[in-house]
Amino acid sequence: MSCLTFNATANSGVCTRLCGNSILEAGEQCDDANFVAGDGCSDTCQVEEGFVCVGVPTTCTSTCGNGIKSLSEGCDDGNLVSFDGCSSTCVVETDNTCTGIQPSICSSICGNGVKATNEACDDNNTTPGDGCSSCQIDLNAFCVHPSGLPSSCDFCGNDKRKLPETCDDGNTVDNFGCKADCSGVLPNFSCSGGNSTHNDVCNVTCGDGITFLTETCDDYNANNFDGCSNTCQVEYGYDCVPDVNGVSDCSSTCGDNEVASNEVCDVGITNGDVCLSSCLVV
């Protein structure tokens, strides 16, 4: 019996396949001890496209990123870049579909409420201008992505403070207390009162030792009658100058004809019979 056309050998009139016997023989490029196609070594012991096969018995591995989808790959889009639908290890990424094998063509489903790896957001619709447009976050918008739920998006500067905003003072400009992107309070400010229906009110932080914007002094406290008031304004009869650390150092001048909070009298340089030189009553 002739068995040449079967890539086999005659044994007592029976043809036995040589491919799949774990021995690399003439005419074979590989032999992985099986007759299964699609695993790198075909059922005729030829190396399949997209695979590299070595050793005896042959071990075959696919080459991710070569643009040829092998049986062991979920996709192969011809690169090793993640977040494009097909990962760097040739796995189909979350909420993506990949079709074709040379190469795989992958795309996400925008508007289905599931944030894909190549989407910045997905709020379960395709409405433009609502914070998430075409599954990309709009300018001055922010989005949170609760597990298993659509993205929730809103805008910074819309007079409403919502997570993940730290503050919202009704604008997208720095210098008013809340950062332009609503991610935090600027130095020397405090903001409070904001909620899901109302904006924050921001004020300069009086008492932090830094004279800033509307403050005329800041002596590191919020006490009255020490020269710098609890609203960080220089009190009548006092002069305040910054010390080496920038903290206001306030003092009154007896004899300047201005009765400061720590004086009981001051009639100017004529202090004498009625008001002592220490600005105390005789």
C-alpha atoms as a PDB file:
ATOM      1  CA  MET A   1       0.000   0.000   0.000  1.00  0.00           C
ATOM      2  CA  SER A   2       1.263   3.454  -0.869  1.00  0.00           C
ATOM      3  CA  CYS A   3       0.906   5.952   1.959  1.00  0.00           C
ATOM      4  CA  LEU A   4       2.872   8.844   0.465  1.00  0.00           C
ATOM      5  CA  THR A   5      -0.167  10.981  -0.099  1.00  0.00           C
ATOM      6  CA  PHE A   6      -1.112  10.575   3.535  1.00  0.00           C
ATOM      7  CA  ASN A   7       2.264  11.621   4.965  1.00  0.00           C
ATOM      8  CA  ALA A   8       2.237   8.213   6.626  1.00  0.00           C
ATOM      9  CA  THR A   9       4.098   4.895   6.720  1.00  0.00           C
ATOM     10  CA  ALA A  10       2.905   1.471   5.688  1.00  0.00           C
ATOM     11  CA  ASN A  11       2.801  -1.116   8.422  1.00  0.00           C
ATOM     12  CA  SER A  12       1.114  -4.427   7.633  1.00  0.00           C
ATOM     13  CA  GLY A  13      -1.074  -2.697   5.112  1.00  0.00           C
ATOM     14  CA  VAL A  14      -2.115   0.030   7.589  1.00  0.00           C
ATOM     15  CA  CYS A  15      -1.218   3.688   7.055  1.00  0.00           C
ATOM     16  CA  THR A  16      -0.084   5.503  10.169  1.00  0.00           C
ATOM     17  CA  ARG A  17       0.221   9.298  10.290  1.00  0.00           C
ATOM     18  CA  LEU A  18       3.675  10.642  10.969  1.00  0.00           C
ATOM     19  CA  CYS A  19       2.458  14.183  11.850  1.00  0.00           C
ATOM     20  CA  GLY A  20       1.534  14.422  15.496  1.00  0.00           C
ATOM     21  CA  ASN A  21       3.955  11.832  16.804  1.00  0.00           C
ATOM     22  CA  SER A  22       6.221  14.384  18.581  1.00  0.00           C
ATOM     23  CA  ILE A  23       9.043  13.664  16.135  1.00  0.00           C
ATOM     24  CA  LEU A  24      10.132  16.313  13.652  1.00  0.00           C
ATOM     25  CA  GLU A  25      10.406  14.437  10.347  1.00  0.00           C
ATOM     26  CA  ALA A  26      11.011  15.310   6.724  1.00  0.00           C
ATOM     27  CA  GLY A  27       8.448  17.704   5.343  1.00  0.00           C
ATOM     28  CA  GLU A  28       7.349  18.862   8.796  1.00  0.00           C
ATOM     29  CA  GLN A  29       8.001  22.379  10.120  1.00  0.00           C
ATOM     30  CA  CYS A  30       6.775  21.441  13.579  1.00  0.00           C
ATOM     31  CA  ASP A  31       5.218  18.574  15.525  1.00  0.00           C
ATOM     32  CA  ASP A  32       3.390  19.371  18.734  1.00  0.00           C
ATOM     33  CA  ALA A  33       2.035  15.843  19.352  1.00  0.00           C
ATOM     34  CA  ASN A  34      -1.494  16.574  18.155  1.00  0.00           C
ATOM     35  CA  PHE A  35      -3.528  17.048  15.018  1.00  0.00           C
ATOM     36  CA  VAL A  36      -5.196  20.260  16.165  1.00  0.00           C
ATOM     37  CA  ALA A  37      -5.096  23.256  13.870  1.00  0.00           C
ATOM     38  CA  GLY A  38      -5.007  26.795  15.221  1.00  0.00           C
ATOM     39  CA  ASP A  39      -2.557  26.144  18.053  1.00  0.00           C
ATOM     40  CA  GLY A  40       0.498  27.224  16.107  1.00  0.00           C
ATOM     41  CA  CYS A  41       1.310  23.871  14.522  1.00  0.00           C
ATOM     42  CA  SER A  42      -1.320  22.794  12.002  1.00  0.00           C
ATOM     43  CA  ASP A  43      -2.847  19.372  11.507  1.00  0.00           C
ATOM     44  CA  THR A  44      -0.279  18.876   8.729  1.00  0.00           C
ATOM     45  CA  CYS A  45       2.611  19.894  10.984  1.00  0.00           C
ATOM     46  CA  GLN A  46       3.181  23.287   9.384  1.00  0.00           C
ATOM     47  CA  VAL A  47       3.841  26.448  11.389  1.00  0.00           C
ATOM     48  CA  GLU A  48       0.708  28.566  11.285  1.00  0.00           C
ATOM     49  CA  GLU A  49       0.781  32.246  10.464  1.00  0.00           C
ATOM     50  CA  GLY A  50       1.339  34.481  13.488  1.00  0.00           C
ATOM     51  CA  PHE A  51       3.187  31.817  15.503  1.00  0.00           C
ATOM     52  CA  VAL A  52       6.746  30.933  16.365  1.00  0.00           C
ATOM     53  CA  CYS A  53       7.447  27.248  17.013  1.00  0.00           C
ATOM     54  CA  VAL A  54      10.580  25.737  18.599  1.00  0.00           C
ATOM     55  CA  GLY A  55      11.792  22.430  20.069  1.00  0.00           C
ATOM     56  CA  VAL A  56      10.740  18.790  19.793  1.00  0.00           C
ATOM     57  CA  PRO A  57       8.027  18.148  20.638  1.00  0.00           C
ATOM     58  CA  THR A  58       7.278  21.583  19.289  1.00  0.00           C
ATOM     59  CA  THR A  59       6.066  24.414  21.497  1.00  0.00           C
ATOM     60  CA  CYS A  60       4.313  27.214  19.647  1.00  0.00           C
ATOM     61  CA  THR A  61       3.618  30.731  20.819  1.00  0.00           C
ATOM     62  CA  SER A  62       1.700  33.464  19.117  1.00  0.00           C
ATOM     63  CA  THR A  63       3.292  36.851  18.423  1.00  0.00           C
ATOM     64  CA  CYS A  64       1.093  39.548  19.927  1.00  0.00           C
ATOM     65  CA  GLY A  65       1.184  42.781  17.960  1.00  0.00           C
ATOM     66  CA  ASN A  66       1.919  41.313  14.547  1.00  0.00           C
ATOM     67  CA  GLY A  67      -1.589  42.030  13.284  1.00  0.00           C
ATOM     68  CA  ILE A  68      -2.529  38.370  12.933  1.00  0.00           C
ATOM     69  CA  LYS A  69      -5.010  36.984  15.470  1.00  0.00           C
ATOM     70  CA  SER A  70      -4.047  33.512  16.590  1.00  0.00           C
ATOM     71  CA  LEU A  71      -6.250  30.997  18.387  1.00  0.00           C
ATOM     72  CA  SER A  72      -4.758  31.938  21.770  1.00  0.00           C
ATOM     73  CA  GLU A  73      -5.325  35.681  21.266  1.00  0.00           C
ATOM     74  CA  GLY A  74      -8.559  37.541  21.847  1.00  0.00           C
ATOM     75  CA  CYS A  75      -7.479  40.142  19.296  1.00  0.00           C
ATOM     76  CA  ASP A  76      -4.409  41.446  17.510  1.00  0.00           C
ATOM     77  CA  ASP A  77      -4.581  44.978  16.144  1.00  0.00           C
ATOM     78  CA  GLY A  78      -0.982  45.142  14.981  1.00  0.00           C
ATOM     79  CA  ASN A  79       0.460  47.013  17.962  1.00  0.00           C
ATOM     80  CA  LEU A  80       1.345  46.563  21.628  1.00  0.00           C
ATOM     81  CA  VAL A  81      -0.562  49.632  22.819  1.00  0.00           C
ATOM     82  CA  SER A  82      -3.209  49.340  25.535  1.00  0.00           C
ATOM     83  CA  PHE A  83      -6.433  51.380  25.786  1.00  0.00           C
ATOM     84  CA  ASP A  84      -7.207  51.141  22.084  1.00  0.00           C
ATOM     85  CA  GLY A  85      -9.595  48.211  22.426  1.00  0.00           C
ATOM     86  CA  CYS A  86      -6.978  45.465  22.168  1.00  0.00           C
ATOM     87  CA  SER A  87      -4.499  45.414  25.049  1.00  0.00           C
ATOM     88  CA  SER A  88      -0.709  45.087  24.926  1.00  0.00           C
ATOM     89  CA  THR A  89      -1.209  41.364  25.629  1.00  0.00           C
ATOM     90  CA  CYS A  90      -3.799  40.944  22.859  1.00  0.00           C
ATOM     91  CA  VAL A  91      -6.813  40.735  25.165  1.00  0.00           C
ATOM     92  CA  VAL A  92     -10.060  42.501  24.234  1.00  0.00           C
ATOM     93  CA  GLU A  93     -10.424  45.416  26.648  1.00  0.00           C
ATOM     94  CA  THR A  94     -13.507  46.232  28.725  1.00  0.00           C
ATOM     95  CA  ASP A  95     -16.596  47.268  26.729  1.00  0.00           C
ATOM     96  CA  ASN A  96     -14.853  46.857  23.395  1.00  0.00           C
ATOM     97  CA  THR A  97     -15.571  44.580  20.489  1.00  0.00           C
ATOM     98  CA  CYS A  98     -12.907  43.404  18.057  1.00  0.00           C
ATOM     99  CA  THR A  99     -13.540  41.857  14.672  1.00  0.00           C
ATOM    100  CA  GLY A 100     -11.295  40.570  11.918  1.00  0.00           C
ATOM    101  CA  ILE A 101      -8.065  38.622  12.227  1.00  0.00           C
ATOM    102  CA  GLN A 102      -5.546  40.431  10.004  1.00  0.00           C
ATOM    103  CA  PRO A 103      -5.547  42.769  11.883  1.00  0.00           C
ATOM    104  CA  SER A 104      -8.313  42.994  14.486  1.00  0.00           C
ATOM    105  CA  ILE A 105     -10.460  46.133  14.299  1.00  0.00           C
ATOM    106  CA  CYS A 106     -11.631  47.222  17.754  1.00  0.00           C
ATOM    107  CA  SER A 107     -14.195  49.769  18.853  1.00  0.00           C
ATOM    108  CA  SER A 108     -16.035  50.716  22.032  1.00  0.00           C
ATOM    109  CA  ILE A 109     -19.748  51.359  22.375  1.00  0.00           C
ATOM    110  CA  CYS A 110     -20.141  54.991  23.416  1.00  0.00           C
ATOM    111  CA  GLY A 111     -23.355  55.851  25.232  1.00  0.00           C
ATOM    112  CA  ASN A 112     -24.131  52.468  26.767  1.00  0.00           C
ATOM    113  CA  GLY A 113     -23.265  53.558  30.305  1.00  0.00           C
ATOM    114  CA  VAL A 114     -20.166  51.397  30.559  1.00  0.00           C
ATOM    115  CA  LYS A 115     -16.846  53.270  30.551  1.00  0.00           C
ATOM    116  CA  ALA A 116     -14.499  51.515  28.137  1.00  0.00           C
ATOM    117  CA  THR A 117     -10.735  51.697  28.460  1.00  0.00           C
ATOM    118  CA  ASN A 118     -10.487  54.174  25.605  1.00  0.00           C
ATOM    119  CA  GLU A 119     -13.363  56.347  26.893  1.00  0.00           C
ATOM    120  CA  ALA A 120     -12.882  59.190  29.350  1.00  0.00           C
ATOM    121  CA  CYS A 121     -16.527  58.868  30.431  1.00  0.00           C
ATOM    122  CA  ASP A 122     -19.812  57.205  29.459  1.00  0.00           C
ATOM    123  CA  ASP A 123     -22.978  58.748  30.901  1.00  0.00           C
ATOM    124  CA  ASN A 124     -25.401  56.405  29.138  1.00  0.00           C
ATOM    125  CA  ASN A 125     -26.252  58.849  26.375  1.00  0.00           C
ATOM    126  CA  THR A 126     -24.715  60.602  23.389  1.00  0.00           C
ATOM    127  CA  THR A 127     -26.090  64.068  24.210  1.00  0.00           C
ATOM    128  CA  PRO A 128     -23.477  66.763  23.547  1.00  0.00           C
ATOM    129  CA  GLY A 129     -22.675  69.471  26.076  1.00  0.00           C
ATOM    130  CA  ASP A 130     -23.824  67.582  29.181  1.00  0.00           C
ATOM    131  CA  GLY A 131     -20.329  67.113  30.590  1.00  0.00           C
ATOM    132  CA  CYS A 132     -19.609  63.922  28.669  1.00  0.00           C
ATOM    133  CA  SER A 133     -19.749  64.380  24.894  1.00  0.00           C
ATOM    134  CA  SER A 134     -18.853  61.511  22.568  1.00  0.00           C
ATOM    135  CA  CYS A 135     -17.510  59.795  25.695  1.00  0.00           C
ATOM    136  CA  GLN A 136     -14.942  62.537  26.284  1.00  0.00           C
ATOM    137  CA  ILE A 137     -15.102  64.954  29.233  1.00  0.00           C
ATOM    138  CA  ASP A 138     -16.185  68.469  28.218  1.00  0.00           C
ATOM    139  CA  LEU A 139     -14.151  71.584  29.001  1.00  0.00           C
ATOM    140  CA  ASN A 140     -14.559  72.643  32.671  1.00  0.00           C
ATOM    141  CA  ALA A 141     -16.502  69.453  33.374  1.00  0.00           C
ATOM    142  CA  PHE A 142     -15.666  66.633  35.746  1.00  0.00           C
ATOM    143  CA  CYS A 143     -16.995  63.093  35.967  1.00  0.00           C
ATOM    144  CA  VAL A 144     -17.139  60.328  38.544  1.00  0.00           C
ATOM    145  CA  HIS A 145     -17.448  56.703  37.527  1.00  0.00           C
ATOM    146  CA  PRO A 146     -19.297  54.615  40.142  1.00  0.00           C
ATOM    147  CA  SER A 147     -18.684  50.897  39.787  1.00  0.00           C
ATOM    148  CA  GLY A 148     -21.358  49.331  37.617  1.00  0.00           C
ATOM    149  CA  LEU A 149     -23.069  52.662  36.930  1.00  0.00           C
ATOM    150  CA  PRO A 150     -22.856  55.284  34.159  1.00  0.00           C
ATOM    151  CA  SER A 151     -20.515  58.235  34.570  1.00  0.00           C
ATOM    152  CA  SER A 152     -21.963  61.168  36.487  1.00  0.00           C
ATOM    153  CA  CYS A 153     -20.764  64.494  35.085  1.00  0.00           C
ATOM    154  CA  ASP A 154     -21.164  68.137  36.014  1.00  0.00           C
ATOM    155  CA  PHE A 155     -19.418  71.462  35.426  1.00  0.00           C
ATOM    156  CA  CYS A 156     -17.002  73.431  37.583  1.00  0.00           C
ATOM    157  CA  GLY A 157     -18.143  77.000  38.158  1.00  0.00           C
ATOM    158  CA  ASN A 158     -21.881  76.358  37.915  1.00  0.00           C
ATOM    159  CA  ASP A 159     -22.628  77.529  41.492  1.00  0.00           C
ATOM    160  CA  LYS A 160     -23.123  73.966  42.750  1.00  0.00           C
ATOM    161  CA  ARG A 161     -20.581  71.876  44.628  1.00  0.00           C
ATOM    162  CA  LYS A 162     -20.719  68.187  43.786  1.00  0.00           C
ATOM    163  CA  LEU A 163     -18.179  65.401  44.139  1.00  0.00           C
ATOM    164  CA  PRO A 164     -15.395  65.277  43.207  1.00  0.00           C
ATOM    165  CA  GLU A 165     -15.295  69.103  43.505  1.00  0.00           C
ATOM    166  CA  THR A 166     -13.587  70.420  46.623  1.00  0.00           C
ATOM    167  CA  CYS A 167     -15.235  73.801  46.163  1.00  0.00           C
ATOM    168  CA  ASP A 168     -17.258  75.750  43.594  1.00  0.00           C
ATOM    169  CA  ASP A 169     -17.403  79.531  43.883  1.00  0.00           C
ATOM    170  CA  GLY A 170     -19.374  80.054  40.689  1.00  0.00           C
ATOM    171  CA  ASN A 171     -16.497  80.747  38.306  1.00  0.00           C
ATOM    172  CA  THR A 172     -13.556  79.087  36.610  1.00  0.00           C
ATOM    173  CA  VAL A 173     -11.014  81.775  37.450  1.00  0.00           C
ATOM    174  CA  ASP A 174      -8.196  81.557  39.964  1.00  0.00           C
ATOM    175  CA  ASN A 175      -7.685  84.324  42.563  1.00  0.00           C
ATOM    176  CA  PHE A 176     -11.199  84.191  44.028  1.00  0.00           C
ATOM    177  CA  GLY A 177     -10.561  81.443  46.554  1.00  0.00           C
ATOM    178  CA  CYS A 178     -11.460  78.250  44.686  1.00  0.00           C
ATOM    179  CA  LYS A 179      -9.103  76.909  42.027  1.00  0.00           C
ATOM    180  CA  ALA A 180     -10.185  77.361  38.430  1.00  0.00           C
ATOM    181  CA  ASP A 181     -10.853  73.620  38.080  1.00  0.00           C
ATOM    182  CA  CYS A 182     -12.681  73.367  41.440  1.00  0.00           C
ATOM    183  CA  SER A 183     -10.098  70.860  42.656  1.00  0.00           C
ATOM    184  CA  GLY A 184      -9.127  72.734  45.812  1.00  0.00           C
ATOM    185  CA  VAL A 185      -9.012  75.941  47.810  1.00  0.00           C
ATOM    186  CA  LEU A 186      -6.238  78.393  46.996  1.00  0.00           C
ATOM    187  CA  PRO A 187      -3.645  79.245  49.666  1.00  0.00           C
ATOM    188  CA  ASN A 188      -4.698  81.976  52.143  1.00  0.00           C
ATOM    189  CA  PHE A 189      -8.403  81.350  51.460  1.00  0.00           C
ATOM    190  CA  SER A 190     -11.179  79.399  53.107  1.00  0.00           C
ATOM    191  CA  CYS A 191     -14.362  78.327  51.341  1.00  0.00           C
ATOM    192  CA  SER A 192     -17.580  77.042  52.863  1.00  0.00           C
ATOM    193  CA  GLY A 193     -21.326  76.734  52.379  1.00  0.00           C
ATOM    194  CA  GLY A 194     -21.341  74.937  49.054  1.00  0.00           C
ATOM    195  CA  ASN A 195     -23.624  71.982  48.326  1.00  0.00           C
ATOM    196  CA  SER A 196     -25.482  70.348  45.438  1.00  0.00           C
ATOM    197  CA  THR A 197     -27.712  73.411  45.051  1.00  0.00           C
ATOM    198  CA  HIS A 198     -25.512  76.285  46.208  1.00  0.00           C
ATOM    199  CA  ASN A 199     -22.045  77.681  45.611  1.00  0.00           C
ATOM    200  CA  ASP A 200     -19.263  78.130  48.153  1.00  0.00           C
ATOM    201  CA  VAL A 201     -18.410  81.520  49.616  1.00  0.00           C
ATOM    202  CA  CYS A 202     -14.655  82.055  49.774  1.00  0.00           C
ATOM    203  CA  ASN A 203     -12.818  84.567  51.925  1.00  0.00           C
ATOM    204  CA  VAL A 204      -9.246  85.430  52.687  1.00  0.00           C
ATOM    205  CA  THR A 205      -8.092  83.553  55.785  1.00  0.00           C
ATOM    206  CA  CYS A 206      -7.617  86.162  58.496  1.00  0.00           C
ATOM    207  CA  GLY A 207      -5.240  85.082  61.248  1.00  0.00           C
ATOM    208  CA  ASP A 208      -2.826  82.985  59.200  1.00  0.00           C
ATOM    209  CA  GLY A 209      -0.020  85.528  59.502  1.00  0.00           C
ATOM    210  CA  ILE A 210      -0.104  86.496  55.825  1.00  0.00           C
ATOM    211  CA  THR A 211      -1.429  89.900  54.776  1.00  0.00           C
ATOM    212  CA  PHE A 212      -3.304  89.155  51.575  1.00  0.00           C
ATOM    213  CA  LEU A 213      -5.610  91.030  49.184  1.00  0.00           C
ATOM    214  CA  THR A 214      -8.292  92.805  51.275  1.00  0.00           C
ATOM    215  CA  GLU A 215      -6.327  92.519  54.527  1.00  0.00           C
ATOM    216  CA  THR A 216      -4.349  95.522  55.800  1.00  0.00           C
ATOM    217  CA  CYS A 217      -2.629  93.425  58.476  1.00  0.00           C
ATOM    218  CA  ASP A 218      -2.458  89.867  59.788  1.00  0.00           C
ATOM    219  CA  ASP A 219      -0.883  89.286  63.192  1.00  0.00           C
ATOM    220  CA  TYR A 220      -1.456  85.516  63.319  1.00  0.00           C
ATOM    221  CA  ASN A 221      -4.612  85.759  65.433  1.00  0.00           C
ATOM    222  CA  ALA A 222      -8.218  86.856  65.162  1.00  0.00           C
ATOM    223  CA  ASN A 223      -8.284  89.086  68.242  1.00  0.00           C
ATOM    224  CA  ASN A 224      -9.526  92.643  68.461  1.00  0.00           C
ATOM    225  CA  PHE A 225      -7.822  95.515  70.341  1.00  0.00           C
ATOM    226  CA  ASP A 226      -4.249  94.392  69.621  1.00  0.00           C
ATOM    227  CA  GLY A 227      -3.738  96.640  66.620  1.00  0.00           C
ATOM    228  CA  CYS A 228      -4.994  94.208  63.979  1.00  0.00           C
ATOM    229  CA  SER A 229      -8.696  93.415  64.234  1.00  0.00           C
ATOM    230  CA  ASN A 230     -10.453  90.064  63.888  1.00  0.00           C
ATOM    231  CA  THR A 231     -11.124  91.008  60.256  1.00  0.00           C
ATOM    232  CA  CYS A 232      -7.452  91.774  59.673  1.00  0.00           C
ATOM    233  CA  GLN A 233      -7.831  95.530  59.438  1.00  0.00           C
ATOM    234  CA  VAL A 234      -5.427  97.956  61.160  1.00  0.00           C
ATOM    235  CA  GLU A 235      -7.217  99.374  64.192  1.00  0.00           C
ATOM    236  CA  TYR A 236      -7.467 103.088  64.870  1.00  0.00           C
ATOM    237  CA  GLY A 237      -4.361 104.562  66.463  1.00  0.00           C
ATOM    238  CA  TYR A 238      -2.059 101.718  65.466  1.00  0.00           C
ATOM    239  CA  ASP A 239       0.671 101.200  62.911  1.00  0.00           C
ATOM    240  CA  CYS A 240       1.378  97.660  61.660  1.00  0.00           C
ATOM    241  CA  VAL A 241       4.503  96.541  59.839  1.00  0.00           C
ATOM    242  CA  PRO A 242       5.540  93.019  58.819  1.00  0.00           C
ATOM    243  CA  ASP A 243       8.239  91.299  60.841  1.00  0.00           C
ATOM    244  CA  VAL A 244      10.955  89.096  59.297  1.00  0.00           C
ATOM    245  CA  ASN A 245       8.386  86.321  58.778  1.00  0.00           C
ATOM    246  CA  GLY A 246       5.787  88.613  57.245  1.00  0.00           C
ATOM    247  CA  VAL A 247       3.546  88.602  60.331  1.00  0.00           C
ATOM    248  CA  SER A 248       2.116  92.014  61.208  1.00  0.00           C
ATOM    249  CA  ASP A 249       3.705  93.664  64.246  1.00  0.00           C
ATOM    250  CA  CYS A 250       1.302  96.333  65.483  1.00  0.00           C
ATOM    251  CA  SER A 251       1.924  99.113  67.994  1.00  0.00           C
ATOM    252  CA  SER A 252       0.260 102.340  69.031  1.00  0.00           C
ATOM    253  CA  THR A 253       2.081 105.667  69.344  1.00  0.00           C
ATOM    254  CA  CYS A 254       1.285 107.665  72.432  1.00  0.00           C
ATOM    255  CA  GLY A 255       1.235 111.355  71.576  1.00  0.00           C
ATOM    256  CA  ASP A 256      -0.085 111.014  68.033  1.00  0.00           C
ATOM    257  CA  ASN A 257      -3.444 112.480  69.030  1.00  0.00           C
ATOM    258  CA  GLU A 258      -5.160 109.174  68.211  1.00  0.00           C
ATOM    259  CA  VAL A 259      -6.608 107.156  71.096  1.00  0.00           C
ATOM    260  CA  ALA A 260      -5.718 103.568  70.349  1.00  0.00           C
ATOM    261  CA  SER A 261      -7.513 100.626  71.913  1.00  0.00           C
ATOM    262  CA  ASN A 262      -4.772 100.252  74.556  1.00  0.00           C
ATOM    263  CA  GLU A 263      -4.804 104.000  75.437  1.00  0.00           C
ATOM    264  CA  VAL A 264      -7.254 105.844  77.614  1.00  0.00           C
ATOM    265  CA  CYS A 265      -6.273 109.255  76.322  1.00  0.00           C
ATOM    266  CA  ASP A 266      -4.053 110.888  73.720  1.00  0.00           C
ATOM    267  CA  VAL A 267      -4.077 114.630  73.187  1.00  0.00           C
ATOM    268  CA  GLY A 268      -0.971 114.750  71.099  1.00  0.00           C
ATOM    269  CA  ILE A 269       2.334 116.295  72.018  1.00  0.00           C
ATOM    270  CA  THR A 270       0.632 118.482  74.666  1.00  0.00           C
ATOM    271  CA  ASN A 271      -0.004 115.474  76.899  1.00  0.00           C
ATOM    272  CA  GLY A 272       0.531 116.606  80.460  1.00  0.00           C
ATOM    273  CA  ASP A 273      -2.052 117.869  82.913  1.00  0.00           C
ATOM    274  CA  VAL A 274      -4.882 115.659  81.729  1.00  0.00           C
ATOM    275  CA  CYS A 275      -3.161 112.794  79.913  1.00  0.00           C
ATOM    276  CA  LEU A 276       0.185 111.410  80.978  1.00  0.00           C
ATOM    277  CA  SER A 277       3.036 110.673  78.577  1.00  0.00           C
ATOM    278  CA  SER A 278       1.967 107.045  78.786  1.00  0.00           C
ATOM    279  CA  CYS A 279      -1.475 108.042  77.518  1.00  0.00           C
ATOM    280  CA  LEU A 280      -3.099 107.216  80.823  1.00  0.00           C
ATOM    281  CA  VAL A 281      -5.410 109.611  82.655  1.00  0.00           C
ATOM    282  CA  VAL A 282      -3.762 111.683  85.389  1.00  0.00           C
END
